[in-house]
């Protein structure tokens, strides 16, 4: 099941609402994509204002709530961000070009009970499309989308682990 404040773009089970409403369910696996607006180092020039008005601390608290959830397998995905210094270094930093997309966008993964993702399709090309994206009303949404190759690797690799654990229980 997916969970987001926004409607889903794809078919399938989806809870539209606050993750806090369902976080205490007996989940086996959570792959979380918390908002990066107040955490990402790409917005460092705004950090002082965000610290002063509490936006950054609120984002850190939300991230940590996800990280400390009582779920046996957790992956938290975010761009390179302040959580590396506020909490700990990510377990892995991946790139879209490792999963079939000829682009760059460093994506950090903090893992609990899960192995690092194995690249599935290393391709040529190192376009910085996300960074160079033109301003527009949907820019934030386009920049936050997970690349399909990365999503497929997460589903295949971590879903297989979940399946094996269920079979042996």
C-alpha atoms as a PDB file:
ATOM      1  CA  UNK A   1       0.000   0.000   0.000  1.00  0.00           C
ATOM      2  CA  UNK A   2       1.238   3.483  -0.751  1.00  0.00           C
ATOM      3  CA  UNK A   3       0.590   6.437   1.522  1.00  0.00           C
ATOM      4  CA  UNK A   4       0.781  10.114   0.651  1.00  0.00           C
ATOM      5  CA  UNK A   5      -0.989  13.363   1.336  1.00  0.00           C
ATOM      6  CA  UNK A   6      -1.541  13.556  -2.436  1.00  0.00           C
ATOM      7  CA  UNK A   7      -3.603  11.255  -4.651  1.00  0.00           C
ATOM      8  CA  UNK A   8      -1.698   8.413  -6.270  1.00  0.00           C
ATOM      9  CA  UNK A   9      -0.588   8.602  -9.906  1.00  0.00           C
ATOM     10  CA  UNK A  10      -0.707   4.820 -10.358  1.00  0.00           C
ATOM     11  CA  UNK A  11      -3.337   2.141  -9.757  1.00  0.00           C
ATOM     12  CA  UNK A  12      -3.219   0.075  -6.592  1.00  0.00           C
ATOM     13  CA  UNK A  13      -3.960   0.332  -2.878  1.00  0.00           C
ATOM     14  CA  UNK A  14      -3.311   3.871  -1.655  1.00  0.00           C
ATOM     15  CA  UNK A  15      -4.015   5.697   1.594  1.00  0.00           C
ATOM     16  CA  UNK A  16      -4.360   9.420   0.994  1.00  0.00           C
ATOM     17  CA  UNK A  17      -3.572  11.019   4.318  1.00  0.00           C
ATOM     18  CA  UNK A  18      -0.941  11.466   6.994  1.00  0.00           C
ATOM     19  CA  UNK A  19       1.417   8.515   7.453  1.00  0.00           C
ATOM     20  CA  UNK A  20       1.059   8.982  11.219  1.00  0.00           C
ATOM     21  CA  UNK A  21      -2.498   7.666  10.853  1.00  0.00           C
ATOM     22  CA  UNK A  22      -1.219   4.253   9.716  1.00  0.00           C
ATOM     23  CA  UNK A  23       2.371   4.059  10.990  1.00  0.00           C
ATOM     24  CA  UNK A  24       1.459   1.811  13.933  1.00  0.00           C
ATOM     25  CA  UNK A  25      -0.123  -0.870  11.728  1.00  0.00           C
ATOM     26  CA  UNK A  26       1.780  -4.189  11.733  1.00  0.00           C
ATOM     27  CA  UNK A  27       3.857  -3.420   8.630  1.00  0.00           C
ATOM     28  CA  UNK A  28       6.680  -5.725   7.520  1.00  0.00           C
ATOM     29  CA  UNK A  29       8.411  -3.192   5.276  1.00  0.00           C
ATOM     30  CA  UNK A  30       8.329   0.572   4.849  1.00  0.00           C
ATOM     31  CA  UNK A  31      10.013   2.455   2.021  1.00  0.00           C
ATOM     32  CA  UNK A  32       9.674   6.090   3.033  1.00  0.00           C
ATOM     33  CA  UNK A  33      10.208   9.189   0.932  1.00  0.00           C
ATOM     34  CA  UNK A  34       9.845  12.039   3.443  1.00  0.00           C
ATOM     35  CA  UNK A  35       9.739  15.597   2.102  1.00  0.00           C
ATOM     36  CA  UNK A  36      13.242  16.921   1.503  1.00  0.00           C
ATOM     37  CA  UNK A  37      12.396  20.618   1.140  1.00  0.00           C
ATOM     38  CA  UNK A  38      13.821  21.594   4.531  1.00  0.00           C
ATOM     39  CA  UNK A  39      16.562  18.924   4.702  1.00  0.00           C
ATOM     40  CA  UNK A  40      18.299  18.814   1.322  1.00  0.00           C
ATOM     41  CA  UNK A  41      21.726  20.419   1.074  1.00  0.00           C
ATOM     42  CA  UNK A  42      20.674  21.912  -2.267  1.00  0.00           C
ATOM     43  CA  UNK A  43      18.644  24.414  -0.225  1.00  0.00           C
ATOM     44  CA  UNK A  44      21.442  25.228   2.225  1.00  0.00           C
ATOM     45  CA  UNK A  45      21.202  28.953   1.508  1.00  0.00           C
ATOM     46  CA  UNK A  46      17.762  28.888   3.193  1.00  0.00           C
ATOM     47  CA  UNK A  47      18.800  26.849   6.250  1.00  0.00           C
ATOM     48  CA  UNK A  48      19.140  29.777   8.644  1.00  0.00           C
ATOM     49  CA  UNK A  49      15.562  30.950   8.060  1.00  0.00           C
ATOM     50  CA  UNK A  50      14.288  27.372   8.258  1.00  0.00           C
ATOM     51  CA  UNK A  51      16.091  26.806  11.556  1.00  0.00           C
ATOM     52  CA  UNK A  52      14.768  30.057  12.972  1.00  0.00           C
ATOM     53  CA  UNK A  53      11.110  29.404  12.146  1.00  0.00           C
ATOM     54  CA  UNK A  54      11.151  25.681  13.036  1.00  0.00           C
ATOM     55  CA  UNK A  55      10.588  24.204   9.569  1.00  0.00           C
ATOM     56  CA  UNK A  56      13.899  22.374   9.590  1.00  0.00           C
ATOM     57  CA  UNK A  57      13.425  20.891  13.063  1.00  0.00           C
ATOM     58  CA  UNK A  58       9.930  19.773  12.113  1.00  0.00           C
ATOM     59  CA  UNK A  59      11.349  18.006   9.044  1.00  0.00           C
ATOM     60  CA  UNK A  60      14.112  16.373  11.119  1.00  0.00           C
ATOM     61  CA  UNK A  61      11.540  15.170  13.674  1.00  0.00           C
ATOM     62  CA  UNK A  62       9.340  13.722  10.926  1.00  0.00           C
ATOM     63  CA  UNK A  63      12.306  11.918   9.356  1.00  0.00           C
ATOM     64  CA  UNK A  64      13.326  10.479  12.728  1.00  0.00           C
ATOM     65  CA  UNK A  65       9.763   9.363  13.485  1.00  0.00           C
ATOM     66  CA  UNK A  66       9.926   7.267  10.310  1.00  0.00           C
ATOM     67  CA  UNK A  67      13.419   5.983  11.114  1.00  0.00           C
ATOM     68  CA  UNK A  68      12.366   4.871  14.602  1.00  0.00           C
ATOM     69  CA  UNK A  69       9.106   3.219  13.524  1.00  0.00           C
ATOM     70  CA  UNK A  70       8.496  -0.258  14.927  1.00  0.00           C
ATOM     71  CA  UNK A  71       8.813  -1.893  11.521  1.00  0.00           C
ATOM     72  CA  UNK A  72      11.406  -4.630  10.947  1.00  0.00           C
ATOM     73  CA  UNK A  73      12.517  -3.477   7.494  1.00  0.00           C
ATOM     74  CA  UNK A  74      12.824   0.229   6.692  1.00  0.00           C
ATOM     75  CA  UNK A  75      14.341   2.196   3.830  1.00  0.00           C
ATOM     76  CA  UNK A  76      14.279   5.983   3.948  1.00  0.00           C
ATOM     77  CA  UNK A  77      15.070   7.718   0.671  1.00  0.00           C
ATOM     78  CA  UNK A  78      16.151  11.346   0.462  1.00  0.00           C
ATOM     79  CA  UNK A  79      18.655  13.399  -1.483  1.00  0.00           C
ATOM     80  CA  UNK A  80      21.960  14.131   0.178  1.00  0.00           C
ATOM     81  CA  UNK A  81      20.777  16.058   3.212  1.00  0.00           C
ATOM     82  CA  UNK A  82      21.497  17.247   6.729  1.00  0.00           C
ATOM     83  CA  UNK A  83      20.424  13.907   8.219  1.00  0.00           C
ATOM     84  CA  UNK A  84      23.963  12.709   7.471  1.00  0.00           C
ATOM     85  CA  UNK A  85      25.211  15.059  10.183  1.00  0.00           C
ATOM     86  CA  UNK A  86      22.075  15.326  12.350  1.00  0.00           C
ATOM     87  CA  UNK A  87      21.678  11.546  12.693  1.00  0.00           C
ATOM     88  CA  UNK A  88      24.052   9.309  10.741  1.00  0.00           C
ATOM     89  CA  UNK A  89      25.514   8.736   7.312  1.00  0.00           C
ATOM     90  CA  UNK A  90      23.253   6.923   4.845  1.00  0.00           C
ATOM     91  CA  UNK A  91      23.920   3.241   4.270  1.00  0.00           C
ATOM     92  CA  UNK A  92      24.090   3.791   0.528  1.00  0.00           C
ATOM     93  CA  UNK A  93      24.036   6.551  -2.073  1.00  0.00           C
ATOM     94  CA  UNK A  94      22.643   5.487  -5.432  1.00  0.00           C
ATOM     95  CA  UNK A  95      22.344   7.124  -8.856  1.00  0.00           C
ATOM     96  CA  UNK A  96      19.653   6.700 -11.544  1.00  0.00           C
ATOM     97  CA  UNK A  97      22.295   5.592 -14.085  1.00  0.00           C
ATOM     98  CA  UNK A  98      22.834   2.457 -11.961  1.00  0.00           C
ATOM     99  CA  UNK A  99      19.207   1.465 -12.600  1.00  0.00           C
ATOM    100  CA  UNK A 100      18.682   2.165 -16.307  1.00  0.00           C
ATOM    101  CA  UNK A 101      18.304   5.958 -16.418  1.00  0.00           C
ATOM    102  CA  UNK A 102      21.135   7.993 -17.996  1.00  0.00           C
ATOM    103  CA  UNK A 103      20.880  10.755 -15.420  1.00  0.00           C
ATOM    104  CA  UNK A 104      22.501  11.876 -12.201  1.00  0.00           C
ATOM    105  CA  UNK A 105      20.670  12.529  -8.952  1.00  0.00           C
ATOM    106  CA  UNK A 106      22.442  11.321  -5.827  1.00  0.00           C
ATOM    107  CA  UNK A 107      19.883   9.569  -3.656  1.00  0.00           C
ATOM    108  CA  UNK A 108      20.732   8.540  -0.106  1.00  0.00           C
ATOM    109  CA  UNK A 109      19.244   5.439   1.518  1.00  0.00           C
ATOM    110  CA  UNK A 110      19.095   4.865   5.260  1.00  0.00           C
ATOM    111  CA  UNK A 111      18.388   1.169   5.827  1.00  0.00           C
ATOM    112  CA  UNK A 112      17.162  -0.965   8.726  1.00  0.00           C
ATOM    113  CA  UNK A 113      16.930  -4.730   8.270  1.00  0.00           C
ATOM    114  CA  UNK A 114      17.553  -4.442   4.523  1.00  0.00           C
ATOM    115  CA  UNK A 115      20.637  -4.943   2.347  1.00  0.00           C
ATOM    116  CA  UNK A 116      22.027  -2.295   0.044  1.00  0.00           C
ATOM    117  CA  UNK A 117      20.421  -2.182  -3.393  1.00  0.00           C
ATOM    118  CA  UNK A 118      22.365  -3.927  -6.117  1.00  0.00           C
ATOM    119  CA  UNK A 119      22.561  -1.911  -9.364  1.00  0.00           C
ATOM    120  CA  UNK A 120      20.421  -3.574 -12.028  1.00  0.00           C
ATOM    121  CA  UNK A 121      21.243  -1.781 -15.285  1.00  0.00           C
ATOM    122  CA  UNK A 122      24.266   0.499 -15.450  1.00  0.00           C
ATOM    123  CA  UNK A 123      23.871   2.760 -18.481  1.00  0.00           C
ATOM    124  CA  UNK A 124      25.842   5.475 -20.232  1.00  0.00           C
ATOM    125  CA  UNK A 125      24.870   9.099 -19.904  1.00  0.00           C
ATOM    126  CA  UNK A 126      25.143  11.376 -16.950  1.00  0.00           C
ATOM    127  CA  UNK A 127      22.576  14.081 -17.677  1.00  0.00           C
ATOM    128  CA  UNK A 128      21.773  16.365 -14.749  1.00  0.00           C
ATOM    129  CA  UNK A 129      18.139  16.755 -15.898  1.00  0.00           C
ATOM    130  CA  UNK A 130      16.590  17.230 -12.459  1.00  0.00           C
ATOM    131  CA  UNK A 131      18.984  20.016 -11.473  1.00  0.00           C
ATOM    132  CA  UNK A 132      18.483  21.812 -14.794  1.00  0.00           C
ATOM    133  CA  UNK A 133      14.701  21.480 -14.836  1.00  0.00           C
ATOM    134  CA  UNK A 134      12.940  24.692 -15.831  1.00  0.00           C
ATOM    135  CA  UNK A 135      10.858  26.504 -13.217  1.00  0.00           C
ATOM    136  CA  UNK A 136       7.163  25.749 -13.289  1.00  0.00           C
ATOM    137  CA  UNK A 137       4.158  24.889 -11.144  1.00  0.00           C
ATOM    138  CA  UNK A 138       4.858  21.122 -11.208  1.00  0.00           C
ATOM    139  CA  UNK A 139       8.663  21.306 -10.915  1.00  0.00           C
ATOM    140  CA  UNK A 140       8.583  20.177  -7.268  1.00  0.00           C
ATOM    141  CA  UNK A 141       6.520  17.112  -8.183  1.00  0.00           C
ATOM    142  CA  UNK A 142       8.722  16.133 -11.120  1.00  0.00           C
ATOM    143  CA  UNK A 143      11.872  16.556  -9.023  1.00  0.00           C
ATOM    144  CA  UNK A 144      10.489  14.338  -6.261  1.00  0.00           C
ATOM    145  CA  UNK A 145       9.475  11.376  -8.440  1.00  0.00           C
ATOM    146  CA  UNK A 146      11.295   8.115  -7.903  1.00  0.00           C
ATOM    147  CA  UNK A 147      12.879   6.765 -11.071  1.00  0.00           C
ATOM    148  CA  UNK A 148      11.020   3.628 -12.248  1.00  0.00           C
ATOM    149  CA  UNK A 149      14.255   1.603 -12.419  1.00  0.00           C
ATOM    150  CA  UNK A 150      15.052   2.417  -8.794  1.00  0.00           C
ATOM    151  CA  UNK A 151      11.480   1.647  -7.700  1.00  0.00           C
ATOM    152  CA  UNK A 152      11.599  -1.680  -9.560  1.00  0.00           C
ATOM    153  CA  UNK A 153      14.916  -2.599  -7.912  1.00  0.00           C
ATOM    154  CA  UNK A 154      13.474  -1.803  -4.478  1.00  0.00           C
ATOM    155  CA  UNK A 155      10.345  -3.855  -5.170  1.00  0.00           C
ATOM    156  CA  UNK A 156      12.228  -6.800  -6.687  1.00  0.00           C
ATOM    157  CA  UNK A 157      15.152  -6.995  -4.279  1.00  0.00           C
ATOM    158  CA  UNK A 158      13.506  -6.040  -1.012  1.00  0.00           C
ATOM    159  CA  UNK A 159      10.178  -7.646  -1.923  1.00  0.00           C
ATOM    160  CA  UNK A 160      12.020 -10.939  -2.474  1.00  0.00           C
ATOM    161  CA  UNK A 161      13.528 -10.708   1.002  1.00  0.00           C
ATOM    162  CA  UNK A 162      10.106 -10.034   2.478  1.00  0.00           C
ATOM    163  CA  UNK A 163       8.668 -13.015   0.590  1.00  0.00           C
ATOM    164  CA  UNK A 164      11.453 -15.333   1.810  1.00  0.00           C
ATOM    165  CA  UNK A 165      10.995 -14.185   5.414  1.00  0.00           C
ATOM    166  CA  UNK A 166       7.266 -14.843   5.222  1.00  0.00           C
ATOM    167  CA  UNK A 167       7.859 -18.307   3.722  1.00  0.00           C
ATOM    168  CA  UNK A 168      10.275 -19.279   6.506  1.00  0.00           C
ATOM    169  CA  UNK A 169       8.061 -17.986   9.330  1.00  0.00           C
END
